[in-house]
């Protein structure tokens, strides 16, 4: 993938409008079926203006993914900034994941399957975010007794990471008929049910 998504410095508001529009369409319909003509028409701008901001759709795609990853990190940071109420933090983390994974639909998953270099970039960033923010959560939850103390927080985090990498990759999700949301929800449910302290487990 190209290293720099933009060709020149332009109005930040216009740039964000372009990214926001592309993000809606790329994640819902896949980026291969959306053209720069489509985006320019929806935004009410000329193709010349659009290409002055992003000289190719590949640059815009990378900007969209970077925008999404930054949004996720901002939300995860906000959710774990104050871990004094672990139950609230867990609720906020799960709500964050539901919201962000729900935006990504099967057409985008199919398209990114054909872009292994791009998916590797996403996977590397995802690995960092899981270790940083879920690692922090599991460490604090273990100290408060919500999570079993006979399992190290680092082990729980690595178990979560391994499950995500094994299942939430484009090929495997397609094979299993999963979306990012259903896949992540299943993984988190299994991990949490295994590591929650007995007294903290939901009653059946």
Protein backbone atom coordinates (compact mmCIF):
# COMPACT_ATOMS: atom_id res chain seq x y z
CA UNK A 1 0.00 0.00 0.00
CA UNK A 2 1.16 3.60 -0.55
CA UNK A 3 2.76 5.24 2.47
CA UNK A 4 0.96 8.59 2.34
CA UNK A 5 -2.81 8.74 1.71
CA UNK A 6 -2.95 12.42 0.71
CA UNK A 7 -1.43 14.45 -2.04
CA UNK A 8 -1.38 17.87 -0.40
CA UNK A 9 -2.60 19.88 2.56
CA UNK A 10 -6.26 20.83 2.09
CA UNK A 11 -9.19 22.02 4.17
CA UNK A 12 -9.38 19.58 7.13
CA UNK A 13 -13.18 19.82 7.18
CA UNK A 14 -13.42 18.77 3.53
CA UNK A 15 -10.97 15.95 4.12
CA UNK A 16 -13.01 14.63 7.04
CA UNK A 17 -16.22 14.82 4.99
CA UNK A 18 -14.61 12.69 2.30
CA UNK A 19 -13.33 10.15 4.81
CA UNK A 20 -16.69 9.97 6.61
CA UNK A 21 -18.59 9.37 3.36
CA UNK A 22 -16.11 6.77 2.14
CA UNK A 23 -16.16 5.06 5.52
CA UNK A 24 -19.94 4.60 5.41
CA UNK A 25 -19.86 3.15 1.91
CA UNK A 26 -16.68 1.06 2.19
CA UNK A 27 -17.69 -0.68 5.41
CA UNK A 28 -21.28 -1.27 4.32
CA UNK A 29 -20.82 -2.22 0.66
CA UNK A 30 -17.13 -3.10 0.32
CA UNK A 31 -14.55 -0.79 -1.17
CA UNK A 32 -14.31 -2.55 -4.53
CA UNK A 33 -17.88 -1.69 -5.52
CA UNK A 34 -17.63 1.99 -4.54
CA UNK A 35 -16.05 4.33 -7.08
CA UNK A 36 -14.53 7.77 -6.65
CA UNK A 37 -17.28 8.99 -9.00
CA UNK A 38 -19.89 7.68 -6.55
CA UNK A 39 -18.25 9.51 -3.65
CA UNK A 40 -17.80 12.77 -5.54
CA UNK A 41 -21.46 12.72 -6.60
CA UNK A 42 -22.69 12.08 -3.04
CA UNK A 43 -20.44 14.79 -1.62
CA UNK A 44 -21.50 17.27 -4.28
CA UNK A 45 -17.92 17.99 -5.31
CA UNK A 46 -15.99 17.59 -8.52
CA UNK A 47 -13.72 14.63 -9.08
CA UNK A 48 -10.88 17.12 -9.41
CA UNK A 49 -11.47 18.32 -5.86
CA UNK A 50 -11.74 14.75 -4.59
CA UNK A 51 -8.52 13.70 -6.30
CA UNK A 52 -6.76 16.80 -4.96
CA UNK A 53 -7.39 15.33 -1.52
CA UNK A 54 -6.74 11.65 -2.29
CA UNK A 55 -5.07 10.93 -5.61
CA UNK A 56 -6.29 7.31 -5.68
CA UNK A 57 -8.95 5.20 -4.01
CA UNK A 58 -6.21 3.14 -2.34
CA UNK A 59 -5.02 6.26 -0.49
CA UNK A 60 -8.57 7.03 0.61
CA UNK A 61 -9.09 3.44 1.75
CA UNK A 62 -6.01 3.60 3.95
CA UNK A 63 -7.18 6.93 5.40
CA UNK A 64 -10.58 5.39 6.19
CA UNK A 65 -9.00 2.44 7.99
CA UNK A 66 -6.64 4.70 9.92
CA UNK A 67 -9.62 6.87 10.93
CA UNK A 68 -11.51 3.79 12.12
CA UNK A 69 -8.56 2.49 14.13
CA UNK A 70 -8.02 5.88 15.73
CA UNK A 71 -11.70 6.04 16.71
CA UNK A 72 -11.46 2.59 18.29
CA UNK A 73 -8.36 3.54 20.26
CA UNK A 74 -9.97 6.78 21.46
CA UNK A 75 -13.04 4.88 22.69
CA UNK A 76 -10.97 2.14 24.35
CA UNK A 77 -8.83 4.74 26.09
CA UNK A 78 -11.95 6.54 27.34
CA UNK A 79 -13.49 3.28 28.56
CA UNK A 80 -10.43 2.26 30.57
CA UNK A 81 -9.29 5.69 31.77
CA UNK A 82 -10.90 5.14 35.17
CA UNK A 83 -10.92 1.52 36.33
CA UNK A 84 -12.35 2.20 39.78
CA UNK A 85 -15.66 0.63 38.71
CA UNK A 86 -14.70 -2.55 36.87
CA UNK A 87 -18.30 -3.53 36.07
CA UNK A 88 -18.80 -0.19 34.32
CA UNK A 89 -15.52 -0.58 32.44
CA UNK A 90 -16.59 -4.03 31.23
CA UNK A 91 -19.95 -2.66 30.09
CA UNK A 92 -18.26 0.21 28.26
CA UNK A 93 -15.71 -2.09 26.58
CA UNK A 94 -18.40 -4.45 25.34
CA UNK A 95 -20.54 -1.55 24.09
CA UNK A 96 -17.50 -0.13 22.29
CA UNK A 97 -16.79 -3.45 20.57
CA UNK A 98 -20.43 -3.93 19.59
CA UNK A 99 -20.55 -0.47 18.06
CA UNK A 100 -17.30 -0.68 16.12
CA UNK A 101 -17.62 -4.27 14.88
CA UNK A 102 -21.23 -3.66 13.88
CA UNK A 103 -20.11 -1.06 11.34
CA UNK A 104 -18.09 -3.61 9.33
CA UNK A 105 -20.27 -5.73 7.04
CA UNK A 106 -19.48 -8.93 5.05
CA UNK A 107 -18.76 -7.14 1.72
CA UNK A 108 -15.87 -5.26 3.33
CA UNK A 109 -14.55 -8.48 4.89
CA UNK A 110 -14.62 -10.16 1.47
CA UNK A 111 -12.79 -7.25 -0.15
CA UNK A 112 -10.06 -7.00 2.45
CA UNK A 113 -9.43 -10.74 2.04
CA UNK A 114 -7.90 -9.80 -1.31
CA UNK A 115 -5.61 -7.21 0.31
CA UNK A 116 -3.34 -9.24 2.65
CA UNK A 117 -0.89 -6.38 3.16
CA UNK A 118 -3.67 -4.09 4.30
CA UNK A 119 -5.17 -6.71 6.59
CA UNK A 120 -1.74 -7.34 8.14
CA UNK A 121 -1.59 -3.65 9.03
CA UNK A 122 -5.02 -3.89 10.68
CA UNK A 123 -4.07 -7.08 12.51
CA UNK A 124 -0.87 -5.55 13.88
CA UNK A 125 -2.72 -2.52 15.21
CA UNK A 126 -5.45 -4.73 16.65
CA UNK A 127 -2.82 -6.75 18.50
CA UNK A 128 -1.44 -3.58 20.10
CA UNK A 129 -4.90 -2.37 21.14
CA UNK A 130 -5.94 -5.68 22.69
CA UNK A 131 -2.74 -5.96 24.70
CA UNK A 132 -2.87 -2.34 25.83
CA UNK A 133 -6.50 -1.90 26.78
CA UNK A 134 -7.84 -5.39 27.48
CA UNK A 135 -4.59 -6.18 29.27
CA UNK A 136 -5.23 -3.19 31.52
CA UNK A 137 -8.83 -4.26 32.12
CA UNK A 138 -7.98 -7.87 32.97
CA UNK A 139 -5.20 -6.74 35.30
CA UNK A 140 -7.53 -4.41 37.24
CA UNK A 141 -10.42 -6.91 37.21
CA UNK A 142 -8.12 -9.58 38.65
CA UNK A 143 -7.08 -7.24 41.50
CA UNK A 144 -10.71 -6.51 42.39
CA UNK A 145 -11.71 -10.18 42.38
CA UNK A 146 -13.97 -10.02 39.33
CA UNK A 147 -11.54 -12.22 37.42
CA UNK A 148 -10.00 -15.40 38.81
CA UNK A 149 -6.66 -14.79 40.53
CA UNK A 150 -5.23 -18.18 39.57
CA UNK A 151 -4.84 -17.02 35.95
CA UNK A 152 -2.38 -14.22 35.13
CA UNK A 153 -3.84 -11.21 33.33
CA UNK A 154 -1.18 -11.54 30.63
CA UNK A 155 -2.28 -15.13 29.94
CA UNK A 156 -5.94 -14.10 29.64
CA UNK A 157 -5.00 -11.29 27.27
CA UNK A 158 -2.92 -13.60 25.09
CA UNK A 159 -5.75 -16.15 25.01
CA UNK A 160 -8.09 -13.41 23.79
CA UNK A 161 -5.57 -12.26 21.22
CA UNK A 162 -4.94 -15.78 19.93
CA UNK A 163 -8.67 -16.42 19.54
CA UNK A 164 -9.19 -13.14 17.69
CA UNK A 165 -6.29 -13.80 15.32
CA UNK A 166 -7.44 -17.36 14.63
CA UNK A 167 -11.09 -16.53 13.99
CA UNK A 168 -11.38 -12.86 13.04
CA UNK A 169 -9.42 -13.03 9.83
CA UNK A 170 -11.23 -12.62 6.50
CA UNK A 171 -10.85 -16.20 5.27
CA UNK A 172 -11.97 -17.81 8.51
CA UNK A 173 -14.91 -15.44 9.00
CA UNK A 174 -16.15 -16.17 5.49
CA UNK A 175 -15.76 -19.91 6.05
CA UNK A 176 -17.64 -19.80 9.37
CA UNK A 177 -20.30 -17.37 8.16
CA UNK A 178 -19.38 -14.78 10.79
CA UNK A 179 -19.39 -11.02 10.85
CA UNK A 180 -16.82 -9.15 12.97
CA UNK A 181 -19.58 -8.43 15.48
CA UNK A 182 -20.84 -12.01 15.88
CA UNK A 183 -17.31 -13.39 15.92
CA UNK A 184 -15.99 -10.97 18.52
CA UNK A 185 -19.09 -11.38 20.69
CA UNK A 186 -18.67 -15.17 20.72
CA UNK A 187 -14.97 -14.94 21.57
CA UNK A 188 -15.46 -12.41 24.38
CA UNK A 189 -18.35 -14.43 25.83
CA UNK A 190 -16.32 -17.65 25.96
CA UNK A 191 -13.21 -15.95 27.38
CA UNK A 192 -15.12 -14.02 30.04
CA UNK A 193 -17.20 -16.98 31.15
CA UNK A 194 -13.99 -18.91 31.64
CA UNK A 195 -12.09 -16.28 33.62
CA UNK A 196 -14.80 -14.59 35.69
CA UNK A 197 -14.69 -15.45 39.36
CA UNK A 198 -17.44 -17.89 40.37
CA UNK A 199 -19.38 -15.30 42.36
CA UNK A 200 -19.33 -12.85 39.45
CA UNK A 201 -20.70 -15.23 36.82
CA UNK A 202 -24.24 -14.52 35.61
CA UNK A 203 -26.92 -16.84 36.96
CA UNK A 204 -28.58 -19.14 34.42
